[in-house]
Amino acid sequence: MKNFEELKLNAPVQRALADENYETPTPIQSQAVPPALLGRDVLGCAQTGTGKTAAFALPILNRLGRQNRKAAPHRPLALVLAPTRELALQIEESFATYGRYLRMRQLVVYGGVSQTNQVRALERGAHILVATPGRLLDLMNQGHIKLDQLEVFVLDEADRMLDMGFLPDLKRIITRLPDQRQSLFFSATLPPNITRLSKQLLKNPVSVNVTPKSISIEKIEQRVLSVERSEKQALLRKVLMAADVDRALVFTRTKRGANILAEKLVRSGIKATAIHGNKSQGARQRALMAFRQRKVHVLVATDVASRGIDIDGITHVVNFDVPTDPESYVHRIGRTGRAGAEGIALSFCSAAERGDLRAIENLIGKKVPVAAEHPVPALKDQRPMRLSPGSKVAVSSRSILNGAPPTRCSADSSGDQDNPKRRRRPRRRSRNTRCRIKQRN
């Protein structure tokens, strides 16, 4: 399949794709959409950022659009399960985009917020329901969602769901699905537990695998920077102030670490905010919106966001902490270099994290290049740079990796060492101290 016109989709769906300038399908779309349009079950394995959402959204919209049925209260016709609130919201947004010319309602339900508005929307009826497992089960147990009329079931990011401990919830949901349905199953990896779950869910599926055995992200420039833990913050500020860093996503291991790091970046003059599971849904959405609208240029996140953020134009991903799970590394750096674009992924590796780095290299099948001369000389003695309004840094992040010192571009910034007003004066001894020294002599 060379273009979307060959799929013979409904005219409203084709019109929406034309509005989005969709012409050539991605590999997962070209292989998964045709059998899904025929009603076959699909087992899809593809890396993050390859267009999996459209691979199941387009067949669902095409199927329900032809039926032109009215949405019944509490009874969706299609159900999509996603592991995180952010991903569920983005899937719902994709359905709204591709189905903008169809008379169809989609609804997203997730935890962390009041269910009142969600229940009201379910009473009005929705053709397509996007949900996280916990909130879906809560609403089903309360009688607000009934799956007896369900036609299509989608499980997205299945491996991530199991990593997050949703397997018991998934088994309960699967037992309540109708026997006559179409099931679409998507995962970035296919370990044994995922394979067993797919056999329980799918009937004679079409298998689609566009993930190479040796995982590599060709258009992402990967570098590891050897740096002690105490020097990571200074190095991060130095990298983020480079001229070519437009949008950066920084990953930490803990939620507390994300908050502390974001606060220190803000105090250094860098526009940053944090997102993690302990923040309320409203706070997480405000952080994503500020990052998407470029009100902040750095988003500090834990792994909860590594598959929940789908924002174009992220130029740099920084692993402030090397992930202990090698697969998380692939999902993290997959936030840059999306849709065929290039990106840069940097990993700050201390001596204690070298074992985690080796596990990552074994997974991706190659060594991650080490940045030249890092940590850079005199990094401990450098004062943290602060960005004043209108000031820029004269070198790129690639130059910093090769050891080039950053310099200011603004005319009024000549550096601390050449500014006599900023030179540290010799400490003046007190009168009593001078007297004691004189008596000893």
Protein backbone atom coordinates (compact mmCIF):
# COMPACT_ATOMS: atom_id res chain seq x y z
CA MET A 1 0.00 0.00 0.00
CA LYS A 2 1.63 3.23 -1.20
CA ASN A 3 -1.01 5.78 -0.21
CA PHE A 4 -4.19 6.06 1.85
CA GLU A 5 -6.39 6.38 -1.24
CA GLU A 6 -5.83 2.67 -1.95
CA LEU A 7 -7.69 1.80 1.26
CA LYS A 8 -11.02 3.08 -0.10
CA LEU A 9 -11.96 4.61 3.24
CA ASN A 10 -15.18 6.54 3.78
CA ALA A 11 -15.15 9.96 2.15
CA PRO A 12 -15.36 11.83 5.52
CA VAL A 13 -12.33 9.91 6.82
CA GLN A 14 -10.38 10.53 3.61
CA ARG A 15 -11.21 14.22 3.87
CA ALA A 16 -9.88 14.37 7.45
CA LEU A 17 -6.66 12.63 6.39
CA ALA A 18 -6.23 15.14 3.59
CA ASP A 19 -6.63 17.97 6.09
CA GLU A 20 -3.77 16.47 8.12
CA ASN A 21 -1.63 16.04 4.96
CA TYR A 22 -1.52 12.27 5.42
CA GLU A 23 -0.40 10.75 2.12
CA THR A 24 1.93 7.80 2.69
CA PRO A 25 1.11 5.29 5.47
CA THR A 26 3.79 4.13 7.88
CA PRO A 27 4.82 0.44 7.83
CA ILE A 28 2.55 -0.50 10.74
CA GLN A 29 -0.37 1.30 9.07
CA SER A 30 0.18 -0.25 5.64
CA GLN A 31 0.30 -3.77 7.14
CA ALA A 32 -2.30 -3.53 9.92
CA VAL A 33 -5.06 -1.38 8.39
CA PRO A 34 -6.06 -3.63 5.42
CA PRO A 35 -6.78 -6.79 7.50
CA ALA A 36 -8.45 -4.68 10.20
CA LEU A 37 -10.77 -3.20 7.56
CA LEU A 38 -11.77 -6.77 6.66
CA GLY A 39 -12.73 -7.48 10.28
CA ARG A 40 -9.72 -9.68 11.10
CA ASP A 41 -8.05 -9.70 14.52
CA VAL A 42 -4.59 -8.08 14.43
CA LEU A 43 -1.50 -8.63 16.56
CA GLY A 44 0.75 -5.63 15.92
CA CYS A 45 4.30 -5.16 17.18
CA ALA A 46 6.00 -1.84 16.45
CA GLN A 47 8.18 0.68 18.17
CA THR A 48 6.74 3.80 19.72
CA GLY A 49 6.14 6.75 17.40
CA THR A 50 5.39 4.61 14.32
CA GLY A 51 1.73 5.56 13.87
CA LYS A 52 -0.01 2.76 15.79
CA THR A 53 -2.92 4.99 16.80
CA ALA A 54 -4.01 5.59 13.22
CA ALA A 55 -3.52 1.88 12.50
CA PHE A 56 -6.50 1.04 14.72
CA ALA A 57 -8.40 4.36 14.69
CA LEU A 58 -8.96 4.44 10.92
CA PRO A 59 -10.54 0.94 10.66
CA ILE A 60 -12.82 1.68 13.64
CA LEU A 61 -13.98 5.03 12.22
CA ASN A 62 -14.51 3.49 8.80
CA ARG A 63 -16.58 0.62 10.24
CA LEU A 64 -18.77 2.71 12.53
CA GLY A 65 -19.10 5.50 9.98
CA ARG A 66 -20.69 3.15 7.46
CA GLN A 67 -23.19 1.89 10.01
CA ASN A 68 -24.31 5.41 10.93
CA ARG A 69 -25.82 4.13 14.18
CA LYS A 70 -26.97 6.26 17.06
CA ALA A 71 -24.91 6.00 20.23
CA ALA A 72 -26.76 4.16 23.01
CA PRO A 73 -26.41 5.30 26.64
CA HIS A 74 -23.74 3.37 28.59
CA ARG A 75 -23.06 1.03 25.65
CA PRO A 76 -20.02 1.89 23.48
CA LEU A 77 -19.46 0.17 20.16
CA ALA A 78 -15.66 0.38 20.32
CA LEU A 79 -13.40 0.26 23.38
CA VAL A 80 -9.72 1.26 23.47
CA LEU A 81 -7.64 0.52 26.57
CA ALA A 82 -4.51 2.59 27.26
CA PRO A 83 -2.08 2.36 30.20
CA THR A 84 -1.84 6.06 31.12
CA ARG A 85 -4.12 9.07 31.27
CA GLU A 86 -1.90 11.05 28.90
CA LEU A 87 -1.95 8.35 26.24
CA ALA A 88 -5.73 7.89 26.61
CA LEU A 89 -6.28 11.62 26.06
CA GLN A 90 -4.06 11.64 22.99
CA ILE A 91 -5.87 8.62 21.51
CA GLU A 92 -9.22 10.34 22.05
CA GLU A 93 -7.82 13.45 20.37
CA SER A 94 -6.73 11.35 17.37
CA PHE A 95 -10.22 9.88 17.01
CA ALA A 96 -11.64 13.40 17.11
CA THR A 97 -9.17 14.51 14.42
CA TYR A 98 -9.72 11.61 12.01
CA GLY A 99 -13.48 11.53 12.62
CA ARG A 100 -14.18 15.27 12.54
CA TYR A 101 -16.53 14.90 9.54
CA LEU A 102 -18.43 11.94 10.98
CA ARG A 103 -21.47 12.16 13.22
CA MET A 104 -19.78 10.23 15.94
CA ARG A 105 -19.05 10.79 19.61
CA GLN A 106 -15.93 9.64 21.41
CA LEU A 107 -15.32 9.74 25.14
CA VAL A 108 -12.27 9.27 27.35
CA VAL A 109 -12.48 8.08 30.98
CA TYR A 110 -9.56 7.89 33.41
CA GLY A 111 -8.84 8.01 37.11
CA GLY A 112 -7.46 10.81 39.24
CA VAL A 113 -10.46 13.08 38.63
CA SER A 114 -14.11 13.08 39.60
CA GLN A 115 -16.23 10.62 37.63
CA THR A 116 -19.32 12.89 37.61
CA ASN A 117 -18.77 14.42 34.18
CA GLN A 118 -17.70 11.08 32.75
CA VAL A 119 -20.91 9.41 33.97
CA ARG A 120 -23.01 12.21 32.45
CA ALA A 121 -21.27 11.76 29.10
CA LEU A 122 -21.86 8.00 29.26
CA GLU A 123 -25.57 8.66 29.84
CA ARG A 124 -25.66 10.69 26.63
CA GLY A 125 -23.96 7.84 24.78
CA ALA A 126 -20.62 7.48 22.97
CA HIS A 127 -19.70 5.40 19.95
CA ILE A 128 -16.03 5.12 20.94
CA LEU A 129 -14.76 4.82 24.50
CA VAL A 130 -11.08 5.30 25.39
CA ALA A 131 -10.25 4.27 28.95
CA THR A 132 -7.60 3.36 31.46
CA PRO A 133 -8.17 -0.05 33.11
CA GLY A 134 -8.80 1.09 36.68
CA ARG A 135 -11.47 3.69 35.94
CA LEU A 136 -13.11 1.41 33.36
CA LEU A 137 -13.56 -1.37 35.93
CA ASP A 138 -14.90 1.09 38.51
CA LEU A 139 -17.56 2.39 36.11
CA MET A 140 -18.43 -1.13 34.92
CA ASN A 141 -18.90 -2.33 38.50
CA GLN A 142 -21.20 0.63 39.15
CA GLY A 143 -23.28 -0.22 36.08
CA HIS A 144 -22.34 2.91 34.11
CA ILE A 145 -20.64 0.95 31.29
CA LYS A 146 -22.04 -2.17 29.63
CA LEU A 147 -20.09 -4.02 26.94
CA ASP A 148 -22.85 -6.25 25.54
CA GLN A 149 -23.01 -4.24 22.27
CA LEU A 150 -19.24 -3.88 21.83
CA GLU A 151 -17.99 -4.60 18.30
CA VAL A 152 -14.29 -3.68 18.45
CA PHE A 153 -11.82 -3.99 21.32
CA VAL A 154 -8.32 -2.44 21.18
CA LEU A 155 -5.51 -3.06 23.64
CA ASP A 156 -2.76 -0.48 23.10
CA GLU A 157 0.72 -0.55 24.67
CA ALA A 158 0.04 -3.98 26.13
CA ASP A 159 3.59 -4.50 27.40
CA ARG A 160 3.47 -1.20 29.24
CA MET A 161 0.20 -2.22 30.91
CA LEU A 162 1.77 -5.38 32.25
CA ASP A 163 4.82 -3.44 33.45
CA MET A 164 2.46 -1.17 35.41
CA GLY A 165 0.72 -4.13 37.07
CA PHE A 166 -2.58 -4.03 35.15
CA LEU A 167 -2.66 -7.75 34.29
CA PRO A 168 -5.35 -8.65 36.92
CA ASP A 169 -7.54 -5.76 35.71
CA LEU A 170 -7.05 -6.80 32.09
CA LYS A 171 -8.13 -10.37 32.83
CA ARG A 172 -11.30 -9.12 34.53
CA ILE A 173 -12.12 -6.87 31.57
CA ILE A 174 -11.47 -9.60 29.00
CA THR A 175 -13.87 -12.00 30.73
CA ARG A 176 -16.68 -9.43 30.29
CA LEU A 177 -16.13 -8.85 26.58
CA PRO A 178 -18.71 -10.32 24.15
CA ASP A 179 -17.58 -13.39 22.20
CA GLN A 180 -18.49 -11.88 18.84
CA ARG A 181 -16.07 -8.98 18.44
CA GLN A 182 -13.01 -7.82 16.57
CA SER A 183 -9.85 -7.46 18.68
CA LEU A 184 -6.77 -5.38 17.83
CA PHE A 185 -3.70 -5.92 20.01
CA PHE A 186 -0.67 -3.60 19.87
CA SER A 187 2.58 -3.76 21.79
CA ALA A 188 6.11 -2.40 21.41
CA THR A 189 7.58 -5.74 22.48
CA LEU A 190 6.35 -9.34 22.59
CA PRO A 191 7.77 -11.10 25.68
CA PRO A 192 6.25 -14.46 26.70
CA ASN A 193 3.63 -13.00 29.05
CA ILE A 194 2.38 -10.71 26.26
CA THR A 195 2.21 -13.64 23.83
CA ARG A 196 0.11 -15.65 26.31
CA LEU A 197 -2.26 -12.71 26.79
CA SER A 198 -2.66 -12.24 23.03
CA LYS A 199 -3.59 -15.91 22.57
CA GLN A 200 -6.29 -15.48 25.19
CA LEU A 201 -7.67 -12.39 23.48
CA LEU A 202 -7.26 -12.95 19.72
CA LYS A 203 -8.79 -15.44 17.29
CA ASN A 204 -6.69 -16.42 14.26
CA PRO A 205 -4.98 -13.02 14.16
CA VAL A 206 -2.93 -11.45 11.40
CA SER A 207 0.54 -10.85 12.86
CA VAL A 208 2.27 -7.62 11.93
CA ASN A 209 5.83 -7.04 13.13
CA VAL A 210 7.72 -3.98 11.96
CA THR A 211 10.19 -3.94 14.87
CA PRO A 212 13.70 -5.10 13.94
CA LYS A 213 15.24 -7.83 16.08
CA SER A 214 18.08 -5.48 16.96
CA ILE A 215 16.36 -2.42 18.32
CA SER A 216 17.90 0.76 16.92
CA ILE A 217 16.68 4.24 16.31
CA GLU A 218 18.59 5.30 13.24
CA LYS A 219 17.78 9.00 13.12
CA ILE A 220 18.39 9.63 16.82
CA GLU A 221 21.94 10.65 17.68
CA GLN A 222 22.72 8.84 20.93
CA ARG A 223 25.50 9.83 23.33
CA VAL A 224 26.46 8.81 26.85
CA LEU A 225 28.20 11.33 29.08
CA SER A 226 30.35 9.98 31.89
CA VAL A 227 29.68 12.26 34.84
CA GLU A 228 29.57 11.93 38.60
CA ARG A 229 26.21 12.25 40.31
CA SER A 230 27.18 15.52 42.01
CA GLU A 231 28.04 17.11 38.65
CA LYS A 232 24.91 16.13 36.72
CA GLN A 233 22.90 19.28 37.44
CA ALA A 234 25.66 21.64 36.30
CA LEU A 235 26.17 19.60 33.12
CA LEU A 236 22.42 19.56 32.44
CA ARG A 237 22.19 23.35 32.67
CA LYS A 238 25.12 23.62 30.30
CA VAL A 239 23.49 21.31 27.74
CA LEU A 240 20.04 22.93 27.96
CA MET A 241 21.47 26.39 27.30
CA ALA A 242 22.95 25.33 23.96
CA ALA A 243 21.62 27.20 20.94
CA ASP A 244 20.11 24.15 19.19
CA VAL A 245 18.05 22.95 22.16
CA ASP A 246 14.50 23.99 21.28
CA ARG A 247 12.42 21.51 23.29
CA ALA A 248 13.98 19.10 25.76
CA LEU A 249 12.49 16.19 27.70
CA VAL A 250 14.50 15.24 30.79
CA PHE A 251 13.89 11.91 32.55
CA THR A 252 14.55 11.23 36.23
CA ARG A 253 14.16 8.02 38.20
CA THR A 254 11.96 9.35 41.00
CA LYS A 255 9.04 11.74 41.32
CA ARG A 256 10.78 13.72 44.05
CA GLY A 257 13.87 14.00 41.87
CA ALA A 258 11.76 15.40 39.01
CA ASN A 259 10.31 18.11 41.25
CA ILE A 260 13.67 19.10 42.69
CA LEU A 261 15.37 19.19 39.30
CA ALA A 262 12.61 21.28 37.70
CA GLU A 263 12.74 23.78 40.57
CA LYS A 264 16.53 24.14 40.27
CA LEU A 265 16.30 24.66 36.52
CA VAL A 266 13.74 27.42 37.03
CA ARG A 267 16.00 29.10 39.57
CA SER A 268 18.78 28.96 36.97
CA GLY A 269 16.65 30.91 34.51
CA ILE A 270 15.48 27.93 32.43
CA LYS A 271 11.75 27.60 31.75
CA ALA A 272 10.92 24.13 33.02
CA THR A 273 8.13 22.15 34.66
CA ALA A 274 7.70 18.62 36.01
CA ILE A 275 5.19 15.85 35.29
CA HIS A 276 4.76 12.56 37.14
CA GLY A 277 2.17 10.27 38.67
CA ASN A 278 1.82 12.12 41.98
CA LYS A 279 0.58 15.30 40.31
CA SER A 280 -3.14 15.79 39.84
CA GLN A 281 -4.63 15.26 36.42
CA GLY A 282 -5.20 18.99 36.05
CA ALA A 283 -1.57 19.76 36.90
CA ARG A 284 -0.32 17.15 34.45
CA GLN A 285 -2.50 18.51 31.66
CA ARG A 286 -1.37 22.08 32.36
CA ALA A 287 2.26 20.97 32.24
CA LEU A 288 1.77 19.18 28.91
CA MET A 289 -0.15 22.12 27.47
CA ALA A 290 2.57 24.59 28.52
CA PHE A 291 5.21 22.35 26.91
CA ARG A 292 3.15 21.88 23.75
CA GLN A 293 2.53 25.63 23.44
CA ARG A 294 6.22 26.41 24.11
CA LYS A 295 5.50 28.32 27.30
CA VAL A 296 8.15 26.09 28.86
CA HIS A 297 11.03 24.56 26.94
CA VAL A 298 12.03 21.77 29.31
CA LEU A 299 9.74 19.05 30.67
CA VAL A 300 11.15 16.95 33.52
CA ALA A 301 9.36 13.60 33.71
CA THR A 302 9.41 10.13 35.17
CA ASP A 303 8.72 7.02 33.07
CA VAL A 304 4.97 7.58 33.43
CA ALA A 305 5.38 10.00 30.53
CA SER A 306 7.78 8.03 28.35
CA ARG A 307 4.91 6.58 26.31
CA GLY A 308 2.28 9.13 27.22
CA ILE A 309 3.83 12.14 25.50
CA ASP A 310 3.26 12.50 21.78
CA ILE A 311 4.54 15.98 20.95
CA ASP A 312 6.32 16.79 17.72
CA GLY A 313 9.43 18.93 17.72
CA ILE A 314 11.22 17.52 20.78
CA THR A 315 14.84 18.09 19.78
CA HIS A 316 16.57 16.56 22.80
CA VAL A 317 15.89 13.79 25.30
CA VAL A 318 18.15 13.69 28.35
CA ASN A 319 18.34 10.68 30.65
CA PHE A 320 19.38 12.50 33.81
CA ASP A 321 19.17 9.07 35.45
CA VAL A 322 19.97 5.99 33.37
CA PRO A 323 16.84 3.76 33.43
CA THR A 324 17.14 0.44 35.24
CA ASP A 325 14.78 -1.18 32.70
CA PRO A 326 16.55 -1.31 29.29
CA GLU A 327 13.27 -1.16 27.36
CA SER A 328 12.42 2.11 29.10
CA TYR A 329 15.49 3.59 27.41
CA VAL A 330 14.04 2.88 23.97
CA HIS A 331 10.66 4.36 24.92
CA ARG A 332 12.28 7.42 26.48
CA ILE A 333 14.48 8.38 23.54
CA GLY A 334 11.60 7.56 21.18
CA ARG A 335 10.02 10.86 22.25
CA THR A 336 12.46 12.61 19.89
CA GLY A 337 13.07 11.78 16.26
CA ARG A 338 9.36 11.19 15.68
CA ALA A 339 7.71 11.10 12.26
CA GLY A 340 11.07 10.71 10.52
CA ALA A 341 12.67 13.75 12.14
CA GLU A 342 16.14 13.74 13.66
CA GLY A 343 16.81 14.02 17.37
CA ILE A 344 19.50 13.86 20.03
CA ALA A 345 19.41 11.58 23.08
CA LEU A 346 21.91 12.12 25.90
CA SER A 347 22.42 9.85 28.91
CA PHE A 348 24.23 11.05 32.03
CA CYS A 349 25.95 7.96 33.40
CA SER A 350 27.67 7.83 36.78
CA ALA A 351 29.95 5.01 37.91
CA ALA A 352 27.05 3.33 39.74
CA GLU A 353 24.92 3.27 36.57
CA ARG A 354 27.39 1.56 34.22
CA GLY A 355 25.72 -1.82 34.72
CA ASP A 356 22.38 -0.36 33.58
CA LEU A 357 24.13 1.12 30.52
CA ARG A 358 25.56 -2.27 29.55
CA ALA A 359 22.07 -3.81 29.77
CA ILE A 360 20.76 -1.09 27.43
CA GLU A 361 23.56 -1.73 24.93
CA ASN A 362 22.80 -5.46 24.97
CA LEU A 363 19.15 -4.71 24.16
CA ILE A 364 19.74 -2.30 21.28
CA GLY A 365 22.59 -4.41 19.91
CA LYS A 366 25.30 -1.76 19.83
CA LYS A 367 27.47 0.45 21.98
CA VAL A 368 26.18 3.93 22.76
CA PRO A 369 28.98 6.35 21.73
CA VAL A 370 30.67 8.15 24.60
CA ALA A 371 30.84 11.94 24.30
CA ALA A 372 34.37 13.26 24.00
CA GLU A 373 36.13 14.51 27.11
CA HIS A 374 33.34 14.28 29.66
CA PRO A 375 33.12 15.39 32.35
CA VAL A 376 34.70 18.56 30.93
CA PRO A 377 37.67 20.13 32.75
CA ALA A 378 36.86 22.53 35.59
CA LEU A 379 33.18 21.61 35.56
CA LYS A 380 33.14 21.78 39.36
CA ASP A 381 34.49 25.36 39.31
CA GLN A 382 32.02 26.76 36.78
CA ARG A 383 29.34 29.07 38.06
CA PRO A 384 25.83 28.03 36.89
CA MET A 385 24.88 30.13 33.87
CA ARG A 386 21.68 32.15 34.01
CA LEU A 387 19.71 33.13 30.94
CA SER A 388 18.73 36.78 30.96
CA PRO A 389 15.94 37.91 28.60
CA GLY A 390 17.20 37.94 25.01
CA SER A 391 20.51 36.18 25.75
CA LYS A 392 21.55 33.03 23.92
CA VAL A 393 24.43 30.56 23.97
CA ALA A 394 26.84 30.59 21.07
CA VAL A 395 27.50 26.86 20.69
CA SER A 396 25.31 23.88 19.94
CA SER A 397 24.78 20.86 22.15
CA ARG A 398 27.02 18.84 19.79
CA SER A 399 29.85 21.32 20.41
CA ILE A 400 29.36 20.96 24.15
CA LEU A 401 29.63 17.18 23.78
CA ASN A 402 33.02 17.69 22.11
CA GLY A 403 34.26 19.88 24.94
CA ALA A 404 33.65 23.41 23.56
CA PRO A 405 32.88 25.94 26.31
CA PRO A 406 29.60 27.85 25.97
CA THR A 407 29.78 31.61 25.49
CA ARG A 408 27.18 34.34 25.61
CA CYS A 409 25.82 35.93 22.45
CA SER A 410 24.42 39.09 24.02
CA ALA A 411 26.61 42.18 23.80
CA ASP A 412 26.39 43.06 27.50
CA SER A 413 27.64 39.71 28.78
CA SER A 414 31.40 39.48 28.73
CA GLY A 415 31.79 36.75 31.36
CA ASP A 416 32.48 36.83 35.07
CA GLN A 417 36.26 36.53 34.82
CA ASP A 418 36.67 39.69 32.69
CA ASN A 419 34.24 41.78 34.71
CA PRO A 420 36.11 43.58 37.50
CA LYS A 421 32.88 44.22 39.39
CA ARG A 422 32.34 40.48 39.76
CA ARG A 423 35.86 39.59 40.86
CA ARG A 424 36.01 38.23 44.37
CA ARG A 425 37.81 40.68 46.65
CA PRO A 426 40.35 39.43 49.22
CA ARG A 427 38.75 38.74 52.54
CA ARG A 428 39.39 41.62 54.98
CA ARG A 429 40.46 40.52 58.45
CA SER A 430 38.72 42.06 61.44
CA ARG A 431 40.52 44.47 63.76
CA ASN A 432 40.70 41.90 66.58
CA THR A 433 42.24 39.33 64.23
CA ARG A 434 44.90 41.83 63.09
CA CYS A 435 45.75 42.64 66.74
CA ARG A 436 46.18 38.95 67.63
CA ILE A 437 48.46 38.40 64.64
CA LYS A 438 50.52 41.46 65.59
CA GLN A 439 50.91 40.20 69.20
CA ARG A 440 52.11 36.76 68.00
CA ASN A 441 54.71 38.43 65.83
